[in-house]
PDB file of N, CA and C in Angstrom:
ATOM      1  N   MET A   1     -16.381  -8.303 -29.866  1.00  0.00           N
ATOM      2  CA  MET A   1     -15.055  -7.758 -29.176  1.00  0.00           C
ATOM      3  C   MET A   1     -15.269  -8.812 -27.706  1.00  0.00           C
ATOM      4  N   THR A   2     -14.105  -9.167 -27.394  1.00  0.00           N
ATOM      5  CA  THR A   2     -14.472  -9.834 -25.909  1.00  0.00           C
ATOM      6  C   THR A   2     -13.453  -8.988 -25.019  1.00  0.00           C
ATOM      7  N   SER A   3     -14.002  -8.973 -23.703  1.00  0.00           N
ATOM      8  CA  SER A   3     -13.891  -8.197 -22.703  1.00  0.00           C
ATOM      9  C   SER A   3     -12.874  -9.301 -22.282  1.00  0.00           C
ATOM     10  N   LYS A   4     -11.894  -7.992 -21.620  1.00  0.00           N
ATOM     11  CA  LYS A   4     -10.830  -8.761 -20.595  1.00  0.00           C
ATOM     12  C   LYS A   4     -11.156  -9.596 -19.511  1.00  0.00           C
ATOM     13  N   PRO A   5     -10.909 -10.439 -18.863  1.00  0.00           N
ATOM     14  CA  PRO A   5     -11.281 -11.260 -17.631  1.00  0.00           C
ATOM     15  C   PRO A   5     -10.804 -10.341 -16.204  1.00  0.00           C
ATOM     16  N   LYS A   6     -11.438 -10.124 -15.662  1.00  0.00           N
ATOM     17  CA  LYS A   6     -11.030  -9.534 -14.035  1.00  0.00           C
ATOM     18  C   LYS A   6     -10.027  -9.989 -13.703  1.00  0.00           C
ATOM     19  N   LYS A   7      -9.110  -8.998 -13.133  1.00  0.00           N
ATOM     20  CA  LYS A   7      -7.489 -10.046 -12.243  1.00  0.00           C
ATOM     21  C   LYS A   7      -8.316  -9.952 -10.992  1.00  0.00           C
ATOM     22  N   VAL A   8      -7.793 -11.379 -10.439  1.00  0.00           N
ATOM     23  CA  VAL A   8      -8.020 -11.917  -9.183  1.00  0.00           C
ATOM     24  C   VAL A   8      -7.054 -10.985  -8.231  1.00  0.00           C
ATOM     25  N   GLY A   9      -7.131 -10.632  -7.033  1.00  0.00           N
ATOM     26  CA  GLY A   9      -6.438 -10.365  -6.148  1.00  0.00           C
ATOM     27  C   GLY A   9      -6.294  -8.526  -6.097  1.00  0.00           C
ATOM     28  N   LEU A  10      -5.393  -8.380  -4.813  1.00  0.00           N
ATOM     29  CA  LEU A  10      -5.046  -6.927  -4.677  1.00  0.00           C
ATOM     30  C   LEU A  10      -4.831  -6.200  -5.687  1.00  0.00           C
ATOM     31  N   SER A  11      -5.005  -4.907  -5.389  1.00  0.00           N
ATOM     32  CA  SER A  11      -4.090  -3.805  -6.629  1.00  0.00           C
ATOM     33  C   SER A  11      -2.647  -3.559  -5.888  1.00  0.00           C
ATOM     34  N   VAL A  12      -2.158  -2.975  -6.803  1.00  0.00           N
ATOM     35  CA  VAL A  12      -1.079  -2.652  -6.384  1.00  0.00           C
ATOM     36  C   VAL A  12      -0.815  -1.625  -5.476  1.00  0.00           C
ATOM     37  N   GLY A  13      -1.626  -0.618  -5.237  1.00  0.00           N
ATOM     38  CA  GLY A  13      -1.942   0.511  -4.309  1.00  0.00           C
ATOM     39  C   GLY A  13      -2.371  -0.082  -3.010  1.00  0.00           C
ATOM     40  N   GLU A  14      -3.311  -1.651  -2.952  1.00  0.00           N
ATOM     41  CA  GLU A  14      -3.778  -1.904  -1.833  1.00  0.00           C
ATOM     42  C   GLU A  14      -2.629  -2.575  -1.230  1.00  0.00           C
ATOM     43  N   LEU A  15      -1.441  -3.517  -1.979  1.00  0.00           N
ATOM     44  CA  LEU A  15      -0.109  -4.175  -1.383  1.00  0.00           C
ATOM     45  C   LEU A  15       0.598  -3.281  -1.042  1.00  0.00           C
ATOM     46  N   ILE A  16       0.578  -2.236  -1.373  1.00  0.00           N
ATOM     47  CA  ILE A  16       1.509  -1.379  -0.905  1.00  0.00           C
ATOM     48  C   ILE A  16       1.166  -0.700   0.388  1.00  0.00           C
ATOM     49  N   VAL A  17      -0.250  -0.506   0.500  1.00  0.00           N
ATOM     50  CA  VAL A  17      -0.823   0.135   2.187  1.00  0.00           C
ATOM     51  C   VAL A  17      -0.655  -1.285   2.832  1.00  0.00           C
ATOM     52  N   LYS A  18      -1.175  -2.605   2.581  1.00  0.00           N
ATOM     53  CA  LYS A  18      -0.680  -3.269   3.504  1.00  0.00           C
ATOM     54  C   LYS A  18       0.490  -3.662   3.866  1.00  0.00           C
ATOM     55  N   ALA A  19       1.507  -3.438   3.082  1.00  0.00           N
ATOM     56  CA  ALA A  19       3.283  -3.635   3.375  1.00  0.00           C
ATOM     57  C   ALA A  19       3.718  -2.454   4.090  1.00  0.00           C
ATOM     58  N   VAL A  20       3.015  -1.443   3.942  1.00  0.00           N
ATOM     59  CA  VAL A  20       3.462  -0.152   5.186  1.00  0.00           C
ATOM     60  C   VAL A  20       2.940  -0.292   6.211  1.00  0.00           C
ATOM     61  N   ALA A  21       1.622  -0.805   6.314  1.00  0.00           N
ATOM     62  CA  ALA A  21       0.335  -0.869   7.726  1.00  0.00           C
ATOM     63  C   ALA A  21       1.270  -1.843   8.448  1.00  0.00           C
ATOM     64  N   ALA A  22       1.959  -2.846   7.545  1.00  0.00           N
ATOM     65  CA  ALA A  22       2.530  -4.123   8.261  1.00  0.00           C
ATOM     66  C   ALA A  22       3.982  -3.936   8.834  1.00  0.00           C
ATOM     67  N   SER A  23       4.460  -2.765   8.609  1.00  0.00           N
ATOM     68  CA  SER A  23       5.891  -2.625   9.039  1.00  0.00           C
ATOM     69  C   SER A  23       5.750  -1.803  10.386  1.00  0.00           C
ATOM     70  N   LYS A  24       6.658  -2.209  11.441  1.00  0.00           N
ATOM     71  CA  LYS A  24       6.541  -1.444  12.541  1.00  0.00           C
ATOM     72  C   LYS A  24       7.708  -0.325  12.815  1.00  0.00           C
ATOM     73  N   GLU A  25       8.288  -0.004  11.831  1.00  0.00           N
ATOM     74  CA  GLU A  25       9.589   1.037  11.656  1.00  0.00           C
ATOM     75  C   GLU A  25       8.796   2.177  12.135  1.00  0.00           C
ATOM     76  N   ARG A  26       9.925   3.186  13.162  1.00  0.00           N
ATOM     77  CA  ARG A  26       9.024   4.228  13.943  1.00  0.00           C
ATOM     78  C   ARG A  26       9.052   5.348  12.552  1.00  0.00           C
ATOM     79  N   ASN A  27      10.343   5.374  11.523  1.00  0.00           N
ATOM     80  CA  ASN A  27      10.301   6.137  10.633  1.00  0.00           C
ATOM     81  C   ASN A  27       9.754   5.947   8.958  1.00  0.00           C
ATOM     82  N   GLY A  28       9.054   4.566   9.101  1.00  0.00           N
ATOM     83  CA  GLY A  28       8.563   4.581   8.249  1.00  0.00           C
ATOM     84  C   GLY A  28       9.326   3.293   7.279  1.00  0.00           C
ATOM     85  N   LEU A  29       8.716   2.908   6.361  1.00  0.00           N
ATOM     86  CA  LEU A  29       9.015   1.672   5.419  1.00  0.00           C
ATOM     87  C   LEU A  29       9.605   2.293   4.049  1.00  0.00           C
ATOM     88  N   SER A  30      11.164   2.039   3.954  1.00  0.00           N
ATOM     89  CA  SER A  30      11.905   2.520   2.700  1.00  0.00           C
ATOM     90  C   SER A  30      11.207   1.946   1.402  1.00  0.00           C
ATOM     91  N   VAL A  31      11.376   2.747   0.597  1.00  0.00           N
ATOM     92  CA  VAL A  31      10.760   2.305  -0.651  1.00  0.00           C
ATOM     93  C   VAL A  31      11.579   1.336  -1.371  1.00  0.00           C
ATOM     94  N   ALA A  32      12.773   1.258  -1.063  1.00  0.00           N
ATOM     95  CA  ALA A  32      13.709  -0.293  -1.525  1.00  0.00           C
ATOM     96  C   ALA A  32      13.040  -1.557  -0.840  1.00  0.00           C
ATOM     97  N   ALA A  33      12.916  -1.123   0.486  1.00  0.00           N
ATOM     98  CA  ALA A  33      12.131  -2.351   1.642  1.00  0.00           C
ATOM     99  C   ALA A  33      10.909  -2.568   1.159  1.00  0.00           C
ATOM    100  N   LEU A  34      10.279  -1.677   0.505  1.00  0.00           N
ATOM    101  CA  LEU A  34       8.581  -2.011   0.337  1.00  0.00           C
ATOM    102  C   LEU A  34       8.475  -2.893  -1.137  1.00  0.00           C
ATOM    103  N   LYS A  35       9.390  -2.493  -2.088  1.00  0.00           N
ATOM    104  CA  LYS A  35       9.839  -3.228  -3.096  1.00  0.00           C
ATOM    105  C   LYS A  35      10.313  -4.559  -3.185  1.00  0.00           C
ATOM    106  N   LYS A  36      10.623  -4.844  -1.933  1.00  0.00           N
ATOM    107  CA  LYS A  36      11.414  -6.324  -1.668  1.00  0.00           C
ATOM    108  C   LYS A  36      10.606  -6.940  -1.024  1.00  0.00           C
ATOM    109  N   ALA A  37       9.442  -6.127  -0.041  1.00  0.00           N
ATOM    110  CA  ALA A  37       8.295  -6.999   0.250  1.00  0.00           C
ATOM    111  C   ALA A  37       7.058  -7.182  -0.723  1.00  0.00           C
ATOM    112  N   LEU A  38       6.835  -6.554  -1.714  1.00  0.00           N
ATOM    113  CA  LEU A  38       5.962  -6.429  -2.901  1.00  0.00           C
ATOM    114  C   LEU A  38       6.910  -8.157  -3.691  1.00  0.00           C
ATOM    115  N   ALA A  39       8.237  -8.168  -3.682  1.00  0.00           N
ATOM    116  CA  ALA A  39       8.501  -8.967  -4.464  1.00  0.00           C
ATOM    117  C   ALA A  39       8.237 -10.455  -3.740  1.00  0.00           C
ATOM    118  N   ALA A  40       8.804 -10.090  -2.010  1.00  0.00           N
ATOM    119  CA  ALA A  40       8.647 -11.694  -1.707  1.00  0.00           C
ATOM    120  C   ALA A  40       7.051 -12.046  -1.464  1.00  0.00           C
ATOM    121  N   GLY A  41       5.932 -11.284  -1.791  1.00  0.00           N
ATOM    122  CA  GLY A  41       4.663 -11.350  -1.801  1.00  0.00           C
ATOM    123  C   GLY A  41       4.307 -12.021  -3.408  1.00  0.00           C
ATOM    124  N   GLY A  42       5.262 -12.252  -3.942  1.00  0.00           N
ATOM    125  CA  GLY A  42       4.721 -12.910  -5.347  1.00  0.00           C
ATOM    126  C   GLY A  42       4.658 -11.804  -6.399  1.00  0.00           C
ATOM    127  N   TYR A  43       4.885 -10.527  -6.145  1.00  0.00           N
ATOM    128  CA  TYR A  43       4.621  -9.659  -6.917  1.00  0.00           C
ATOM    129  C   TYR A  43       5.889  -9.171  -7.994  1.00  0.00           C
ATOM    130  N   ASP A  44       5.888  -9.007  -9.403  1.00  0.00           N
ATOM    131  CA  ASP A  44       7.011  -8.856 -10.204  1.00  0.00           C
ATOM    132  C   ASP A  44       7.269  -6.987 -10.496  1.00  0.00           C
ATOM    133  N   VAL A  45       8.045  -6.830  -9.290  1.00  0.00           N
ATOM    134  CA  VAL A  45       8.221  -5.469  -9.191  1.00  0.00           C
ATOM    135  C   VAL A  45       9.311  -4.869 -10.187  1.00  0.00           C
ATOM    136  N   ASP A  46      10.110  -5.718 -10.797  1.00  0.00           N
ATOM    137  CA  ASP A  46      10.880  -5.433 -11.916  1.00  0.00           C
ATOM    138  C   ASP A  46      10.234  -5.206 -13.175  1.00  0.00           C
ATOM    139  N   LYS A  47       8.994  -6.073 -13.266  1.00  0.00           N
ATOM    140  CA  LYS A  47       8.461  -5.816 -14.700  1.00  0.00           C
ATOM    141  C   LYS A  47       7.382  -4.435 -14.433  1.00  0.00           C
ATOM    142  N   ASN A  48       6.735  -4.432 -13.294  1.00  0.00           N
ATOM    143  CA  ASN A  48       5.903  -3.479 -13.131  1.00  0.00           C
ATOM    144  C   ASN A  48       6.340  -2.225 -12.425  1.00  0.00           C
ATOM    145  N   LYS A  49       7.469  -1.707 -12.639  1.00  0.00           N
ATOM    146  CA  LYS A  49       8.059  -0.377 -11.660  1.00  0.00           C
ATOM    147  C   LYS A  49       7.211   0.886 -11.830  1.00  0.00           C
ATOM    148  N   ALA A  50       6.863   0.708 -13.136  1.00  0.00           N
ATOM    149  CA  ALA A  50       6.212   2.193 -13.580  1.00  0.00           C
ATOM    150  C   ALA A  50       4.904   2.239 -12.680  1.00  0.00           C
ATOM    151  N   ARG A  51       4.276   1.107 -12.691  1.00  0.00           N
ATOM    152  CA  ARG A  51       2.773   0.722 -11.975  1.00  0.00           C
ATOM    153  C   ARG A  51       2.929   1.014 -10.418  1.00  0.00           C
ATOM    154  N   VAL A  52       3.963   0.597  -9.912  1.00  0.00           N
ATOM    155  CA  VAL A  52       4.360   0.483  -8.572  1.00  0.00           C
ATOM    156  C   VAL A  52       4.900   2.229  -8.389  1.00  0.00           C
ATOM    157  N   LYS A  53       5.548   2.879  -9.008  1.00  0.00           N
ATOM    158  CA  LYS A  53       5.776   4.147  -8.781  1.00  0.00           C
ATOM    159  C   LYS A  53       4.443   5.422  -8.651  1.00  0.00           C
ATOM    160  N   THR A  54       3.267   4.909  -9.960  1.00  0.00           N
ATOM    161  CA  THR A  54       2.110   5.910 -10.047  1.00  0.00           C
ATOM    162  C   THR A  54       1.338   5.470  -8.544  1.00  0.00           C
ATOM    163  N   ALA A  55       1.458   4.387  -8.112  1.00  0.00           N
ATOM    164  CA  ALA A  55       0.833   3.767  -7.263  1.00  0.00           C
ATOM    165  C   ALA A  55       1.211   4.903  -5.680  1.00  0.00           C
ATOM    166  N   ILE A  56       2.189   4.598  -5.663  1.00  0.00           N
ATOM    167  CA  ILE A  56       3.226   5.548  -4.612  1.00  0.00           C
ATOM    168  C   ILE A  56       2.519   7.002  -4.473  1.00  0.00           C
ATOM    169  N   LYS A  57       2.669   7.499  -5.985  1.00  0.00           N
ATOM    170  CA  LYS A  57       2.447   8.990  -6.168  1.00  0.00           C
ATOM    171  C   LYS A  57       1.185   9.196  -5.802  1.00  0.00           C
ATOM    172  N   SER A  58       0.222   8.583  -6.230  1.00  0.00           N
ATOM    173  CA  SER A  58      -1.148   8.429  -6.045  1.00  0.00           C
ATOM    174  C   SER A  58      -1.757   8.244  -4.691  1.00  0.00           C
ATOM    175  N   LEU A  59      -1.020   7.292  -3.604  1.00  0.00           N
ATOM    176  CA  LEU A  59      -1.261   7.340  -2.308  1.00  0.00           C
ATOM    177  C   LEU A  59      -0.828   8.123  -1.504  1.00  0.00           C
ATOM    178  N   VAL A  60       0.365   8.836  -1.871  1.00  0.00           N
ATOM    179  CA  VAL A  60       0.601   9.892  -1.349  1.00  0.00           C
ATOM    180  C   VAL A  60       0.004  11.194  -1.534  1.00  0.00           C
ATOM    181  N   ALA A  61      -0.726  11.486  -2.361  1.00  0.00           N
ATOM    182  CA  ALA A  61      -1.313  12.556  -2.952  1.00  0.00           C
ATOM    183  C   ALA A  61      -2.687  12.464  -2.271  1.00  0.00           C
ATOM    184  N   LYS A  62      -3.205  11.403  -2.120  1.00  0.00           N
ATOM    185  CA  LYS A  62      -4.464  11.179  -1.508  1.00  0.00           C
ATOM    186  C   LYS A  62      -4.635  11.443   0.190  1.00  0.00           C
ATOM    187  N   GLY A  63      -2.935  11.167   0.517  1.00  0.00           N
ATOM    188  CA  GLY A  63      -3.049  11.543   2.196  1.00  0.00           C
ATOM    189  C   GLY A  63      -3.328  10.059   2.728  1.00  0.00           C
ATOM    190  N   THR A  64      -3.271   8.847   1.580  1.00  0.00           N
ATOM    191  CA  THR A  64      -3.357   7.525   2.574  1.00  0.00           C
ATOM    192  C   THR A  64      -1.875   7.161   3.425  1.00  0.00           C
ATOM    193  N   LEU A  65      -0.652   7.517   2.739  1.00  0.00           N
ATOM    194  CA  LEU A  65       0.634   7.389   2.989  1.00  0.00           C
ATOM    195  C   LEU A  65       1.224   9.017   3.523  1.00  0.00           C
ATOM    196  N   VAL A  66       1.900   9.181   3.999  1.00  0.00           N
ATOM    197  CA  VAL A  66       2.702  10.310   4.409  1.00  0.00           C
ATOM    198  C   VAL A  66       4.199   9.752   4.186  1.00  0.00           C
ATOM    199  N   GLN A  67       4.835  10.871   3.455  1.00  0.00           N
ATOM    200  CA  GLN A  67       6.345  11.018   2.761  1.00  0.00           C
ATOM    201  C   GLN A  67       7.113  11.263   4.048  1.00  0.00           C
ATOM    202  N   THR A  68       8.041  10.488   4.696  1.00  0.00           N
ATOM    203  CA  THR A  68       8.718  10.974   5.733  1.00  0.00           C
ATOM    204  C   THR A  68      10.069  11.155   5.251  1.00  0.00           C
ATOM    205  N   LYS A  69      10.871  11.140   4.387  1.00  0.00           N
ATOM    206  CA  LYS A  69      12.145  11.377   4.072  1.00  0.00           C
ATOM    207  C   LYS A  69      11.961  11.379   2.442  1.00  0.00           C
ATOM    208  N   GLY A  70      12.899  11.869   1.779  1.00  0.00           N
ATOM    209  CA  GLY A  70      13.232  11.709   0.353  1.00  0.00           C
ATOM    210  C   GLY A  70      12.026  12.744  -0.323  1.00  0.00           C
ATOM    211  N   THR A  71      12.060  12.717  -1.670  1.00  0.00           N
ATOM    212  CA  THR A  71      10.931  13.169  -2.728  1.00  0.00           C
ATOM    213  C   THR A  71      10.633  12.000  -3.982  1.00  0.00           C
ATOM    214  N   ARG A  72       9.614  12.700  -4.345  1.00  0.00           N
ATOM    215  CA  ARG A  72       8.821  11.851  -5.538  1.00  0.00           C
ATOM    216  C   ARG A  72       8.542  10.275  -5.401  1.00  0.00           C
ATOM    217  N   THR A  73       9.285   9.505  -5.381  1.00  0.00           N
ATOM    218  CA  THR A  73       8.950   8.054  -5.441  1.00  0.00           C
ATOM    219  C   THR A  73      10.462   7.544  -4.666  1.00  0.00           C
ATOM    220  N   SER A  74      10.902   8.056  -3.807  1.00  0.00           N
ATOM    221  CA  SER A  74      11.853   7.727  -2.972  1.00  0.00           C
ATOM    222  C   SER A  74      11.666   8.144  -1.523  1.00  0.00           C
ATOM    223  N   GLY A  75      12.683   7.475  -0.576  1.00  0.00           N
ATOM    224  CA  GLY A  75      12.791   8.024   0.532  1.00  0.00           C
ATOM    225  C   GLY A  75      11.791   7.167   1.438  1.00  0.00           C
ATOM    226  N   SER A  76      11.244   7.310   2.619  1.00  0.00           N
ATOM    227  CA  SER A  76      10.425   6.752   3.452  1.00  0.00           C
ATOM    228  C   SER A  76       9.106   6.954   3.416  1.00  0.00           C
ATOM    229  N   LEU A  77       8.035   6.066   3.617  1.00  0.00           N
ATOM    230  CA  LEU A  77       6.679   6.038   3.326  1.00  0.00           C
ATOM    231  C   LEU A  77       6.071   5.413   4.787  1.00  0.00           C
ATOM    232  N   LYS A  78       5.434   6.082   5.554  1.00  0.00           N
ATOM    233  CA  LYS A  78       4.495   5.472   6.714  1.00  0.00           C
ATOM    234  C   LYS A  78       3.129   5.914   6.660  1.00  0.00           C
ATOM    235  N   MET A  79       2.098   5.257   7.183  1.00  0.00           N
ATOM    236  CA  MET A  79       0.750   5.217   7.311  1.00  0.00           C
ATOM    237  C   MET A  79       0.172   6.862   7.148  1.00  0.00           C
ATOM    238  N   ASN A  80      -0.975   7.115   7.272  1.00  0.00           N
ATOM    239  CA  ASN A  80      -1.135   8.240   7.677  1.00  0.00           C
ATOM    240  C   ASN A  80      -1.896   8.467   8.817  1.00  0.00           C
ATOM    241  N   LYS A  81      -1.658   8.821  10.175  1.00  0.00           N
ATOM    242  CA  LYS A  81      -2.545   8.513  11.397  1.00  0.00           C
ATOM    243  C   LYS A  81      -3.937   8.599  11.305  1.00  0.00           C
ATOM    244  N   ALA A  82      -4.782   9.774  10.221  1.00  0.00           N
ATOM    245  CA  ALA A  82      -5.932   9.881  10.066  1.00  0.00           C
ATOM    246  C   ALA A  82      -6.564   8.401   9.634  1.00  0.00           C
ATOM    247  N   THR A  83      -6.023   8.495   8.452  1.00  0.00           N
ATOM    248  CA  THR A  83      -6.504   7.121   7.844  1.00  0.00           C
ATOM    249  C   THR A  83      -6.324   5.592   7.999  1.00  0.00           C
ATOM    250  N   GLU A  84      -5.038   6.042   9.256  1.00  0.00           N
ATOM    251  CA  GLU A  84      -5.054   4.418   9.616  1.00  0.00           C
ATOM    252  C   GLU A  84      -6.163   4.386  11.049  1.00  0.00           C
ATOM    253  N   THR A  85      -6.483   5.391  11.849  1.00  0.00           N
ATOM    254  CA  THR A  85      -7.606   5.478  12.897  1.00  0.00           C
ATOM    255  C   THR A  85      -8.975   4.539  11.947  1.00  0.00           C
ATOM    256  N   LYS A  86      -9.115   5.174  10.823  1.00  0.00           N
ATOM    257  CA  LYS A  86     -10.303   5.269   9.783  1.00  0.00           C
ATOM    258  C   LYS A  86     -10.562   3.777   9.576  1.00  0.00           C
ATOM    259  N   ARG A  87      -9.348   2.993   8.957  1.00  0.00           N
ATOM    260  CA  ARG A  87      -9.144   1.821   8.687  1.00  0.00           C
ATOM    261  C   ARG A  87      -9.180   0.715   9.383  1.00  0.00           C
ATOM    262  N   LEU A  88      -8.564   1.199  11.143  1.00  0.00           N
ATOM    263  CA  LEU A  88      -8.936   0.052  11.880  1.00  0.00           C
ATOM    264  C   LEU A  88     -10.338   0.227  12.277  1.00  0.00           C
ATOM    265  N   GLN A  89     -11.108   1.107  12.301  1.00  0.00           N
ATOM    266  CA  GLN A  89     -12.648   1.295  12.565  1.00  0.00           C
ATOM    267  C   GLN A  89     -13.793   0.256  11.755  1.00  0.00           C
ATOM    268  N   GLU A  90     -12.882   0.612  10.247  1.00  0.00           N
ATOM    269  CA  GLU A  90     -13.449  -0.103   9.404  1.00  0.00           C
ATOM    270  C   GLU A  90     -13.592  -1.311   9.376  1.00  0.00           C
ATOM    271  N   ASP A  91     -12.243  -1.992  10.127  1.00  0.00           N
ATOM    272  CA  ASP A  91     -12.082  -3.217  10.018  1.00  0.00           C
ATOM    273  C   ASP A  91     -12.725  -3.871  11.220  1.00  0.00           C
ATOM    274  N   GLN A  92     -13.032  -3.238  12.288  1.00  0.00           N
ATOM    275  CA  GLN A  92     -13.671  -3.607  13.525  1.00  0.00           C
ATOM    276  C   GLN A  92     -14.950  -4.096  13.072  1.00  0.00           C
ATOM    277  N   ARG A  93     -15.462  -2.847  12.125  1.00  0.00           N
ATOM    278  CA  ARG A  93     -17.103  -3.035  12.091  1.00  0.00           C
ATOM    279  C   ARG A  93     -17.434  -4.116  11.339  1.00  0.00           C
ATOM    280  N   SER A  94     -16.344  -4.315  10.182  1.00  0.00           N
ATOM    281  CA  SER A  94     -16.936  -5.712   9.278  1.00  0.00           C
ATOM    282  C   SER A  94     -16.451  -6.944  10.082  1.00  0.00           C
ATOM    283  N   SER A  95     -15.604  -6.905  10.952  1.00  0.00           N
ATOM    284  CA  SER A  95     -15.206  -8.112  12.019  1.00  0.00           C
ATOM    285  C   SER A  95     -16.512  -8.360  12.982  1.00  0.00           C
ATOM    286  N   SER A  96     -17.381  -7.388  13.591  1.00  0.00           N
ATOM    287  CA  SER A  96     -18.346  -7.536  14.381  1.00  0.00           C
ATOM    288  C   SER A  96     -19.463  -7.913  13.542  1.00  0.00           C
ATOM    289  N   ALA A  97     -19.557  -7.223  12.509  1.00  0.00           N
ATOM    290  CA  ALA A  97     -20.801  -7.757  11.515  1.00  0.00           C
ATOM    291  C   ALA A  97     -20.552  -8.981  10.950  1.00  0.00           C
ATOM    292  N   GLN A  98     -19.715  -9.772  10.911  1.00  0.00           N
ATOM    293  CA  GLN A  98     -19.218 -11.240  10.503  1.00  0.00           C
ATOM    294  C   GLN A  98     -19.757 -12.389  11.922  1.00  0.00           C
ATOM    295  N   GLN A  99     -19.276 -11.632  12.683  1.00  0.00           N
ATOM    296  CA  GLN A  99     -19.590 -12.414  14.018  1.00  0.00           C
ATOM    297  C   GLN A  99     -21.056 -12.737  14.316  1.00  0.00           C
ATOM    298  N   THR A 100     -22.033 -11.620  14.122  1.00  0.00           N
ATOM    299  CA  THR A 100     -23.278 -11.512  14.231  1.00  0.00           C
ATOM    300  C   THR A 100     -23.888 -12.453  13.719  1.00  0.00           C
TER     301      THR A 100
END
């Protein structure tokens, strides 16, 4: 039996977090706009609808994203303040470690 090769690149959840974090909208990024951003980044959203839905559900359940409007996988999403500050601190640590 041969094993499948590892995929190169970010996972769907990481792509979603990156797109929502880049958004400067006050009420968050709508799911429709999120799908457009993923498609603009080269991700095939039509082919992977189920993966996008499950990634959104899991990120909301983990607390990484907060759903400001809508239910399930519709409405608007924005970054959770607590996880956003934690992510910024990790980025600062990694950039300072790279500089030394």
